[in-house]
Amino acid sequence: MDRGIDITHGNDDEQTARWNGTAGHAWVESRTVLDEMFRPFEDLLVEAAVAEQADRVLDVGCGTGGTTLAVARRLGARGHCVGVDLSEPMITVARERAGQEGGQEGTRASFVLDNAQDHAFEPGTFDLVISRFGVMFFDDSVKAFTNLRGAVRDGAGLRFITWRGPADNPFMTTAERAAAPFMPNLPARRDDEPGQFAFADPDRVRGILEESGWTGVDIQPLDVVCALPESELVPYFTRLGPLGLVLREADERTRAGLVETVRAAFDPYVQGAEVRFTAACWTVGARA
């Protein structure tokens, strides 16, 4: 899923429909900007794979494959990275990107279209499981991480990055807060449902992992400055997140007014030709 910015509610069937529909296509349309915006997290996970001396890596919720391909490049001829995601539009792009890299690099990464919660991985295959904003969307997190535990060898590592709470990430809720007075039908975020901030509570995350058979759980705060071009700000908030979903169905007059209002709400983050914000996250590690 590799999301970072959308909210998702409901059961697994609803999530599959969402990420194979509007949300998945929106991410594909925005992938270049988002890959650059979240590159610091990609770099951290690449370094984790190197430190782990992993040969076989599983990237959960891989989205359009940026992190999967980066890890595969770094591992070189000795390694292979497999990305898994339930979004067909994103997996299609990921496979195209792998093919475009060509040569040996193309063969070091492969992609699986399925939900990692239920996919029948070959037992004991991987040395490391990683994820960049891709593990907060499971319908049953304990089942998902139990399944991932079965996919790795004994002693293998787990390293993922997830969001802390909305209070720590005001940039991520700016659009919906600015639009809320005009659009009461905006979907509300709930801490007890899958979505961007579903892993905000570190005690909950620790409990999920320990119940799933992972040990040595280590959860540390991670604050990273991210940036995107100011010219991409309006496309960003009109495509993605709860406002992006609602705006697609708004009439032109309503849309124009909301875009103006919401764009003004982002002014504190605009620095010349760039938009900058701090992403407040957890970096989570564990051992099989």
Protein backbone atom coordinates (compact mmCIF):
# COMPACT_ATOMS: atom_id res chain seq x y z
CA MET A 1 0.00 0.00 0.00
CA ASP A 2 2.83 2.37 0.72
CA ARG A 3 0.27 5.07 1.27
CA GLY A 4 0.98 7.67 3.81
CA ILE A 5 -1.83 10.01 2.92
CA ASP A 6 -5.16 8.31 2.34
CA ILE A 7 -7.63 7.21 4.96
CA THR A 8 -9.45 3.92 4.58
CA HIS A 9 -12.37 2.50 6.51
CA GLY A 10 -14.39 -0.67 6.39
CA ASN A 11 -13.71 -4.33 5.75
CA ASP A 12 -11.22 -5.98 3.46
CA ASP A 13 -13.60 -6.09 0.49
CA GLU A 14 -14.14 -2.34 0.75
CA GLN A 15 -10.42 -1.71 0.94
CA THR A 16 -9.78 -3.89 -2.08
CA ALA A 17 -12.40 -1.96 -4.02
CA ARG A 18 -10.96 1.39 -2.92
CA TRP A 19 -7.35 0.62 -3.76
CA ASN A 20 -8.32 -0.91 -7.09
CA GLY A 21 -10.48 2.12 -7.85
CA THR A 22 -10.26 5.80 -7.04
CA ALA A 23 -7.51 5.70 -4.41
CA GLY A 24 -5.26 3.38 -6.39
CA HIS A 25 -5.52 5.43 -9.56
CA ALA A 26 -4.95 8.67 -7.62
CA TRP A 27 -1.75 7.25 -6.18
CA VAL A 28 -0.59 6.18 -9.65
CA GLU A 29 -1.25 9.69 -10.98
CA SER A 30 0.77 11.20 -8.12
CA ARG A 31 3.51 8.60 -7.77
CA THR A 32 6.43 10.71 -9.02
CA VAL A 33 5.75 13.51 -6.54
CA LEU A 34 5.03 11.09 -3.69
CA ASP A 35 8.13 8.99 -4.33
CA GLU A 36 10.26 12.11 -4.07
CA MET A 37 8.39 13.40 -1.03
CA PHE A 38 8.85 10.14 0.86
CA ARG A 39 12.34 9.31 -0.39
CA PRO A 40 13.93 9.81 3.06
CA PHE A 41 11.88 6.85 4.31
CA GLU A 42 12.83 4.77 1.31
CA ASP A 43 16.50 5.46 2.05
CA LEU A 44 16.07 4.35 5.68
CA LEU A 45 14.55 1.03 4.60
CA VAL A 46 17.26 0.44 2.01
CA GLU A 47 19.86 0.92 4.73
CA ALA A 48 17.93 -1.45 7.00
CA ALA A 49 18.17 -4.14 4.32
CA VAL A 50 21.91 -3.58 4.03
CA ALA A 51 22.42 -3.66 7.80
CA GLU A 52 20.40 -6.87 8.00
CA GLN A 53 22.58 -8.43 5.29
CA ALA A 54 19.37 -9.68 3.76
CA ASP A 55 19.28 -11.60 0.50
CA ARG A 56 15.51 -12.02 0.27
CA VAL A 57 13.35 -9.03 1.24
CA LEU A 58 9.57 -8.67 1.30
CA ASP A 59 8.12 -5.16 0.84
CA VAL A 60 4.56 -5.08 2.21
CA GLY A 61 2.10 -2.61 0.71
CA CYS A 62 4.65 -1.79 -1.96
CA GLY A 63 2.39 0.51 -3.98
CA THR A 64 4.01 1.48 -7.27
CA GLY A 65 7.26 -0.22 -6.32
CA GLY A 66 9.68 2.59 -5.57
CA THR A 67 11.02 1.13 -2.33
CA THR A 68 11.04 -2.43 -3.70
CA LEU A 69 13.16 -1.40 -6.67
CA ALA A 70 15.50 0.72 -4.54
CA VAL A 71 16.16 -2.22 -2.21
CA ALA A 72 16.67 -4.57 -5.17
CA ARG A 73 19.25 -2.22 -6.69
CA ARG A 74 21.16 -1.96 -3.44
CA LEU A 75 21.17 -5.71 -2.80
CA GLY A 76 22.74 -6.29 -6.17
CA ALA A 77 23.18 -9.66 -7.80
CA ARG A 78 23.07 -11.53 -4.49
CA GLY A 79 19.55 -10.45 -3.56
CA HIS A 80 15.92 -10.23 -4.55
CA CYS A 81 13.10 -8.02 -3.29
CA VAL A 82 9.44 -8.98 -3.63
CA GLY A 83 6.74 -6.33 -3.39
CA VAL A 84 3.16 -7.25 -2.48
CA ASP A 85 0.09 -5.04 -2.75
CA LEU A 86 -3.65 -5.54 -3.28
CA SER A 87 -3.93 -2.64 -5.77
CA GLU A 88 -3.87 -3.80 -9.40
CA PRO A 89 -3.29 -0.27 -10.80
CA MET A 90 -0.25 0.20 -8.58
CA ILE A 91 1.18 -3.29 -9.11
CA THR A 92 0.81 -2.81 -12.87
CA VAL A 93 2.94 0.34 -12.66
CA ALA A 94 5.45 -1.38 -10.37
CA ARG A 95 5.92 -4.20 -12.87
CA GLU A 96 6.32 -1.71 -15.70
CA ARG A 97 8.99 0.13 -13.74
CA ALA A 98 10.87 -3.11 -13.09
CA GLY A 99 10.73 -3.94 -16.77
CA GLN A 100 11.96 -0.49 -17.77
CA GLU A 101 15.02 -0.86 -15.55
CA GLY A 102 15.90 -3.91 -17.62
CA GLY A 103 18.93 -6.10 -17.33
CA GLN A 104 19.78 -7.71 -14.03
CA GLU A 105 18.05 -4.97 -12.03
CA GLY A 106 14.72 -5.97 -13.55
CA THR A 107 15.11 -9.55 -12.38
CA ARG A 108 16.05 -8.58 -8.81
CA ALA A 109 12.57 -7.26 -8.08
CA SER A 110 9.21 -8.94 -8.57
CA PHE A 111 5.66 -8.08 -7.58
CA VAL A 112 2.68 -10.00 -6.21
CA LEU A 113 -0.90 -8.78 -6.59
CA ASP A 114 -2.58 -9.89 -3.38
CA ASN A 115 -3.38 -8.92 0.19
CA ALA A 116 -0.38 -9.71 2.40
CA GLN A 117 -2.80 -10.57 5.19
CA ASP A 118 -3.92 -13.72 3.37
CA HIS A 119 -1.36 -14.46 0.65
CA ALA A 120 0.11 -17.97 0.74
CA PHE A 121 3.81 -17.08 0.97
CA GLU A 122 6.26 -19.94 0.83
CA PRO A 123 7.18 -20.54 4.49
CA GLY A 124 10.56 -19.35 5.72
CA THR A 125 11.44 -17.58 2.48
CA PHE A 126 12.50 -14.08 3.52
CA ASP A 127 15.32 -12.61 5.59
CA LEU A 128 13.59 -9.28 6.17
CA VAL A 129 10.12 -7.73 5.92
CA ILE A 130 9.92 -3.98 5.29
CA SER A 131 7.14 -1.48 4.71
CA ARG A 132 6.86 2.24 4.06
CA PHE A 133 3.40 3.29 5.23
CA GLY A 134 1.87 0.02 4.05
CA VAL A 135 0.82 -1.91 7.16
CA MET A 136 -1.91 0.29 8.68
CA PHE A 137 -4.67 -0.92 6.38
CA PHE A 138 -5.16 -4.57 7.32
CA ASP A 139 -8.64 -5.70 8.28
CA ASP A 140 -7.05 -8.04 10.87
CA SER A 141 -3.56 -6.86 11.83
CA VAL A 142 -2.77 -9.85 14.06
CA LYS A 143 -3.67 -12.25 11.26
CA ALA A 144 -1.57 -10.23 8.82
CA PHE A 145 1.57 -10.11 10.94
CA THR A 146 1.16 -13.79 11.85
CA ASN A 147 1.10 -14.55 8.13
CA LEU A 148 4.20 -12.42 7.60
CA ARG A 149 5.94 -14.20 10.48
CA GLY A 150 5.36 -17.48 8.69
CA ALA A 151 6.91 -16.11 5.51
CA VAL A 152 10.32 -15.45 7.10
CA ARG A 153 13.09 -17.65 8.43
CA ASP A 154 13.77 -17.84 12.15
CA GLY A 155 15.80 -14.84 13.23
CA ALA A 156 14.64 -12.70 10.32
CA GLY A 157 13.95 -9.02 10.83
CA LEU A 158 10.94 -6.75 10.52
CA ARG A 159 11.29 -3.01 9.90
CA PHE A 160 8.47 -0.69 8.98
CA ILE A 161 7.65 3.00 9.14
CA THR A 162 4.19 4.19 10.10
CA TRP A 163 2.54 7.45 11.11
CA ARG A 164 2.13 8.78 14.60
CA GLY A 165 -1.17 10.53 15.38
CA PRO A 166 -2.96 13.37 13.58
CA ALA A 167 -2.07 15.86 16.33
CA ASP A 168 1.61 15.24 15.49
CA ASN A 169 0.96 15.55 11.75
CA PRO A 170 -1.10 18.72 11.17
CA PHE A 171 0.03 18.95 7.55
CA MET A 172 -1.72 15.66 6.81
CA THR A 173 -5.09 16.92 8.05
CA THR A 174 -4.88 20.51 6.77
CA ALA A 175 -7.08 19.91 3.72
CA GLU A 176 -9.93 18.21 5.56
CA ARG A 177 -9.86 20.72 8.43
CA ALA A 178 -10.06 23.64 6.01
CA ALA A 179 -12.84 22.02 3.99
CA ALA A 180 -14.90 20.68 6.90
CA PRO A 181 -17.11 23.79 7.41
CA PHE A 182 -18.23 23.54 3.79
CA MET A 183 -18.38 19.75 3.40
CA PRO A 184 -19.98 18.02 6.38
CA ASN A 185 -19.99 14.75 4.43
CA LEU A 186 -16.20 14.39 4.63
CA PRO A 187 -15.43 10.96 6.10
CA ALA A 188 -14.25 11.14 9.70
CA ARG A 189 -11.08 9.41 10.82
CA ARG A 190 -11.44 6.71 13.47
CA ASP A 191 -8.54 5.34 15.47
CA ASP A 192 -10.04 1.86 15.65
CA GLU A 193 -10.31 1.37 11.88
CA PRO A 194 -7.71 0.77 9.17
CA GLY A 195 -6.20 3.96 7.86
CA GLN A 196 -3.30 6.36 7.91
CA PHE A 197 -3.17 6.79 11.70
CA ALA A 198 -4.28 3.29 12.71
CA PHE A 199 -0.83 2.56 14.21
CA ALA A 200 -0.49 5.85 16.07
CA ASP A 201 -0.62 4.10 19.48
CA PRO A 202 2.73 2.36 20.06
CA ASP A 203 1.28 0.11 22.75
CA ARG A 204 -1.26 -1.19 20.27
CA VAL A 205 1.47 -1.83 17.70
CA ARG A 206 3.59 -3.66 20.24
CA GLY A 207 0.63 -5.81 21.26
CA ILE A 208 -0.17 -6.73 17.66
CA LEU A 209 3.39 -7.77 16.92
CA GLU A 210 3.88 -9.77 20.09
CA GLU A 211 0.58 -11.57 19.60
CA SER A 212 1.67 -12.36 16.04
CA GLY A 213 4.86 -14.12 17.16
CA TRP A 214 7.41 -11.32 16.73
CA THR A 215 9.90 -10.59 19.51
CA GLY A 216 12.25 -7.80 20.53
CA VAL A 217 9.79 -5.14 19.41
CA ASP A 218 11.47 -1.73 19.25
CA ILE A 219 9.43 1.40 18.50
CA GLN A 220 11.15 4.75 18.15
CA PRO A 221 9.85 8.19 17.12
CA LEU A 222 11.06 9.43 13.77
CA ASP A 223 10.65 13.02 12.56
CA VAL A 224 11.58 13.69 8.96
CA VAL A 225 11.31 16.91 6.95
CA CYS A 226 9.59 16.20 3.64
CA ALA A 227 9.06 18.47 0.66
CA LEU A 228 7.18 18.78 -2.59
CA PRO A 229 7.13 21.50 -5.26
CA GLU A 230 4.58 24.26 -4.59
CA SER A 231 3.31 23.73 -8.13
CA GLU A 232 2.23 20.21 -7.09
CA LEU A 233 0.37 21.24 -3.95
CA VAL A 234 -3.09 21.67 -5.49
CA PRO A 235 -2.89 18.39 -7.45
CA TYR A 236 -1.74 16.73 -4.21
CA PHE A 237 -4.69 17.70 -2.03
CA THR A 238 -7.31 17.47 -4.78
CA ARG A 239 -6.36 13.90 -5.70
CA LEU A 240 -5.51 12.32 -2.38
CA GLY A 241 -6.97 11.85 1.08
CA PRO A 242 -10.59 12.32 2.13
CA LEU A 243 -10.95 15.66 0.34
CA GLY A 244 -9.68 14.18 -2.90
CA LEU A 245 -12.38 11.51 -2.80
CA VAL A 246 -15.17 14.03 -2.19
CA LEU A 247 -13.97 16.64 -4.70
CA ARG A 248 -14.27 14.16 -7.54
CA GLU A 249 -18.04 14.30 -7.08
CA ALA A 250 -18.37 18.06 -6.43
CA ASP A 251 -19.75 20.50 -8.98
CA GLU A 252 -17.31 22.94 -10.57
CA ARG A 253 -18.35 25.95 -8.51
CA THR A 254 -18.07 24.10 -5.23
CA ARG A 255 -14.75 22.61 -6.26
CA ALA A 256 -13.25 26.00 -7.23
CA GLY A 257 -14.26 27.60 -3.94
CA LEU A 258 -12.92 24.73 -1.88
CA VAL A 259 -9.63 24.60 -3.73
CA GLU A 260 -9.06 28.29 -3.04
CA THR A 261 -9.93 27.91 0.65
CA VAL A 262 -7.83 24.82 1.17
CA ARG A 263 -4.84 26.17 -0.74
CA ALA A 264 -4.78 29.19 1.57
CA ALA A 265 -4.74 26.89 4.61
CA PHE A 266 -1.43 25.44 3.42
CA ASP A 267 0.30 28.84 3.34
CA PRO A 268 2.26 28.20 6.58
CA TYR A 269 4.02 25.29 4.87
CA VAL A 270 4.95 27.13 1.66
CA GLN A 271 8.53 28.34 1.41
CA GLY A 272 8.97 29.96 -1.97
CA ALA A 273 8.74 27.31 -4.66
CA GLU A 274 8.64 24.48 -2.13
CA VAL A 275 6.22 23.05 0.41
CA ARG A 276 7.92 21.68 3.53
CA PHE A 277 6.49 19.80 6.50
CA THR A 278 7.61 17.45 9.24
CA ALA A 279 6.37 13.87 9.01
CA ALA A 280 5.99 12.50 12.54
CA CYS A 281 6.33 8.73 12.39
CA TRP A 282 7.31 5.59 14.25
CA THR A 283 10.10 3.35 13.05
CA VAL A 284 9.28 -0.14 14.23
CA GLY A 285 11.62 -3.11 14.41
CA ALA A 286 11.15 -6.71 15.55
CA ARG A 287 12.66 -10.17 15.17
CA ALA A 288 11.20 -13.51 14.17
